[in-house]
């Protein structure tokens, strides 16, 4: 596969959220505001790109018996960097995201890409795959948070866009709304893919 194909497959055709149903916990938890979703997505892209690159770089020197532990350690190191940077530069966003930044370490998307792609491919290809998976994850977060923030608060990225008469939908601020939006999104996308496949 070319580098472009690796990116497209990772970001869209094999999207970790809507095709593999991975990373659901953070998808449901941080999507009430678009800014939170964007920051979380950028953090995942950073951690995915660098951890898959590093895991691929040392794959030939990592014994099979400790490979999973080594991958977790590498992912954890990059996630800690993300957490430190957020606390230093964006403390308010860091507080809103709470423990979910730290939970990137256990995100199945990162472990899945590390095991499925980085452990068998070259470093640059692995990094592109990681960036693609991160971009796909971020797009899902942004679509869900667009709907939730618009209907729940009448804002986008904190800027009021709905008129004076707008009544906020309180259900959109709660986590169950993210679950239903994600379910409808997965249904619509998979229906489209299945029609294309026929």
Protein backbone atom coordinates (compact mmCIF):
# COMPACT_ATOMS: atom_id res chain seq x y z
CA UNK A 1 0.00 0.00 0.00
CA UNK A 2 1.08 3.56 -0.65
CA UNK A 3 1.34 6.02 2.24
CA UNK A 4 -1.86 7.75 1.11
CA UNK A 5 -3.72 4.42 1.04
CA UNK A 6 -2.46 3.59 4.55
CA UNK A 7 -3.83 6.91 5.82
CA UNK A 8 -7.20 6.57 4.05
CA UNK A 9 -7.73 2.97 5.21
CA UNK A 10 -6.77 3.81 8.80
CA UNK A 11 -8.82 7.03 9.01
CA UNK A 12 -11.94 6.02 7.08
CA UNK A 13 -12.29 2.47 5.75
CA UNK A 14 -11.15 0.82 9.01
CA UNK A 15 -12.05 3.70 11.32
CA UNK A 16 -11.48 2.54 14.88
CA UNK A 17 -14.74 3.96 16.22
CA UNK A 18 -17.38 3.35 13.55
CA UNK A 19 -15.94 0.18 11.98
CA UNK A 20 -14.15 -1.52 14.89
CA UNK A 21 -16.17 -0.01 17.78
CA UNK A 22 -13.04 0.92 19.78
CA UNK A 23 -12.43 3.95 22.01
CA UNK A 24 -16.10 4.28 22.91
CA UNK A 25 -15.56 5.36 26.55
CA UNK A 26 -13.80 8.63 25.74
CA UNK A 27 -16.01 9.13 22.68
CA UNK A 28 -19.05 9.26 24.93
CA UNK A 29 -17.44 11.20 27.78
CA UNK A 30 -15.67 14.20 26.22
CA UNK A 31 -17.99 15.14 23.36
CA UNK A 32 -20.22 17.69 25.08
CA UNK A 33 -18.04 20.58 23.79
CA UNK A 34 -16.21 20.86 20.47
CA UNK A 35 -13.09 22.36 22.06
CA UNK A 36 -12.78 19.38 24.43
CA UNK A 37 -13.22 16.99 21.50
CA UNK A 38 -10.62 18.77 19.40
CA UNK A 39 -8.04 18.82 22.22
CA UNK A 40 -8.70 15.17 23.06
CA UNK A 41 -8.41 14.24 19.38
CA UNK A 42 -5.12 16.12 18.97
CA UNK A 43 -3.78 14.38 22.07
CA UNK A 44 -4.72 10.97 20.65
CA UNK A 45 -3.17 11.84 17.25
CA UNK A 46 0.08 12.88 18.99
CA UNK A 47 0.20 9.76 21.17
CA UNK A 48 -0.78 7.42 18.32
CA UNK A 49 1.67 8.83 15.78
CA UNK A 50 4.69 8.81 18.07
CA UNK A 51 3.93 5.56 19.89
CA UNK A 52 3.33 3.58 16.68
CA UNK A 53 6.52 5.06 15.22
CA UNK A 54 8.52 4.09 18.33
CA UNK A 55 6.96 0.63 18.63
CA UNK A 56 7.73 -0.06 14.97
CA UNK A 57 11.28 1.25 15.39
CA UNK A 58 12.09 -1.26 18.14
CA UNK A 59 9.85 -4.13 17.00
CA UNK A 60 12.76 -6.36 16.00
CA UNK A 61 14.45 -5.90 19.38
CA UNK A 62 11.37 -6.48 21.53
CA UNK A 63 10.95 -10.09 22.72
CA UNK A 64 7.48 -11.48 22.09
CA UNK A 65 7.04 -12.29 25.79
CA UNK A 66 7.25 -8.60 26.83
CA UNK A 67 5.93 -6.93 23.67
CA UNK A 68 2.57 -5.91 25.16
CA UNK A 69 4.21 -4.45 28.28
CA UNK A 70 6.73 -2.54 26.16
CA UNK A 71 3.93 -1.13 23.98
CA UNK A 72 1.97 0.00 27.06
CA UNK A 73 5.07 1.66 28.49
CA UNK A 74 5.77 3.53 25.24
CA UNK A 75 2.14 4.65 24.86
CA UNK A 76 2.07 5.69 28.53
CA UNK A 77 5.18 7.87 28.09
CA UNK A 78 3.63 9.83 25.22
CA UNK A 79 0.27 10.17 27.00
CA UNK A 80 2.04 11.58 30.07
CA UNK A 81 3.67 14.19 27.80
CA UNK A 82 0.20 15.12 26.46
CA UNK A 83 -1.16 15.37 30.01
CA UNK A 84 1.74 17.56 31.20
CA UNK A 85 1.41 19.89 28.17
CA UNK A 86 -2.35 20.25 28.72
CA UNK A 87 -1.91 21.04 32.40
CA UNK A 88 0.77 23.62 31.59
CA UNK A 89 -0.83 25.36 28.59
CA UNK A 90 -4.58 24.62 28.84
CA UNK A 91 -5.36 24.03 32.53
CA UNK A 92 -9.11 24.70 32.15
CA UNK A 93 -9.46 22.17 29.33
CA UNK A 94 -7.30 19.73 31.29
CA UNK A 95 -9.72 19.96 34.24
CA UNK A 96 -12.75 19.47 31.97
CA UNK A 97 -11.21 16.39 30.34
CA UNK A 98 -10.33 15.08 33.79
CA UNK A 99 -9.12 11.48 33.90
CA UNK A 100 -9.90 10.80 30.24
CA UNK A 101 -6.52 12.12 29.05
CA UNK A 102 -4.75 9.61 31.29
CA UNK A 103 -7.08 6.88 30.04
CA UNK A 104 -5.68 7.33 26.52
CA UNK A 105 -3.05 4.83 27.72
CA UNK A 106 -5.70 2.10 27.95
CA UNK A 107 -7.56 3.22 24.82
CA UNK A 108 -8.08 0.17 22.63
CA UNK A 109 -7.37 2.24 19.52
CA UNK A 110 -3.75 2.77 20.53
CA UNK A 111 -3.19 -0.84 21.61
CA UNK A 112 -4.98 -2.08 18.51
CA UNK A 113 -2.90 -0.02 16.07
CA UNK A 114 0.30 -0.92 17.93
CA UNK A 115 -0.40 -4.64 17.72
CA UNK A 116 -2.14 -4.80 14.33
CA UNK A 117 0.10 -2.46 12.34
CA UNK A 118 3.18 -1.05 14.11
CA UNK A 119 4.43 -4.45 15.29
CA UNK A 120 4.66 -5.64 11.66
CA UNK A 121 5.42 -2.58 9.53
CA UNK A 122 8.09 0.08 8.96
CA UNK A 123 8.30 3.10 11.29
CA UNK A 124 7.15 5.77 8.79
CA UNK A 125 4.23 3.64 7.56
CA UNK A 126 3.29 2.96 11.18
CA UNK A 127 3.38 6.66 12.00
CA UNK A 128 1.10 7.43 9.02
CA UNK A 129 -1.26 4.66 10.15
CA UNK A 130 -1.27 6.16 13.65
CA UNK A 131 -2.00 9.64 12.33
CA UNK A 132 -4.82 8.23 10.17
CA UNK A 133 -6.38 6.37 13.09
CA UNK A 134 -6.10 9.51 15.23
CA UNK A 135 -7.67 11.71 12.55
CA UNK A 136 -10.54 9.23 12.12
CA UNK A 137 -11.13 9.19 15.87
CA UNK A 138 -11.02 13.00 16.03
CA UNK A 139 -13.54 13.35 13.20
CA UNK A 140 -16.00 11.12 15.07
CA UNK A 141 -15.53 13.18 18.25
CA UNK A 142 -16.07 16.45 16.37
CA UNK A 143 -19.24 15.26 14.61
CA UNK A 144 -20.78 14.10 17.89
CA UNK A 145 -19.71 17.22 19.80
CA UNK A 146 -20.99 19.47 16.98
CA UNK A 147 -24.50 18.08 17.44
CA UNK A 148 -24.33 17.99 21.26
CA UNK A 149 -22.89 21.48 21.74
CA UNK A 150 -25.16 23.07 19.14
CA UNK A 151 -28.36 21.56 20.52
CA UNK A 152 -27.32 21.43 24.18
CA UNK A 153 -25.77 24.89 24.57
CA UNK A 154 -26.60 26.74 21.33
CA UNK A 155 -22.87 27.33 20.79
CA UNK A 156 -19.98 26.04 18.65
CA UNK A 157 -16.48 26.23 20.16
CA UNK A 158 -18.07 28.35 22.90
CA UNK A 159 -19.42 30.99 20.48
CA UNK A 160 -23.18 31.52 20.59
CA UNK A 161 -24.73 30.67 17.21
CA UNK A 162 -28.38 30.07 18.08
CA UNK A 163 -30.80 32.98 18.41
CA UNK A 164 -32.32 34.46 21.55
CA UNK A 165 -35.41 32.25 21.39
CA UNK A 166 -33.37 29.03 21.32
CA UNK A 167 -34.17 26.57 24.13
CA UNK A 168 -31.25 24.30 25.03
CA UNK A 169 -31.89 20.56 24.86
CA UNK A 170 -30.73 19.41 28.30
CA UNK A 171 -30.56 15.77 27.12
CA UNK A 172 -27.72 16.75 24.76
CA UNK A 173 -25.51 17.77 27.68
CA UNK A 174 -25.81 14.28 29.22
CA UNK A 175 -23.68 11.29 28.15
CA UNK A 176 -26.63 9.15 26.88
CA UNK A 177 -27.10 11.60 23.99
CA UNK A 178 -23.56 10.80 22.79
CA UNK A 179 -24.42 7.10 22.89
CA UNK A 180 -27.50 7.58 20.69
CA UNK A 181 -25.73 9.93 18.25
CA UNK A 182 -22.82 7.50 17.93
CA UNK A 183 -25.20 4.57 17.41
CA UNK A 184 -27.04 6.44 14.62
CA UNK A 185 -23.71 7.44 13.08
CA UNK A 186 -22.42 3.84 13.09
CA UNK A 187 -25.72 2.61 11.63
CA UNK A 188 -25.71 5.23 8.83
CA UNK A 189 -22.05 4.73 7.88
CA UNK A 190 -22.21 0.93 7.95
CA UNK A 191 -25.43 0.95 5.91
CA UNK A 192 -23.66 3.12 3.31
CA UNK A 193 -20.61 0.80 3.24
CA UNK A 194 -22.73 -2.31 2.88
CA UNK A 195 -24.65 -0.76 -0.01
CA UNK A 196 -21.35 0.17 -1.71
CA UNK A 197 -20.04 -3.39 -1.24
CA UNK A 198 -23.04 -4.95 -3.07
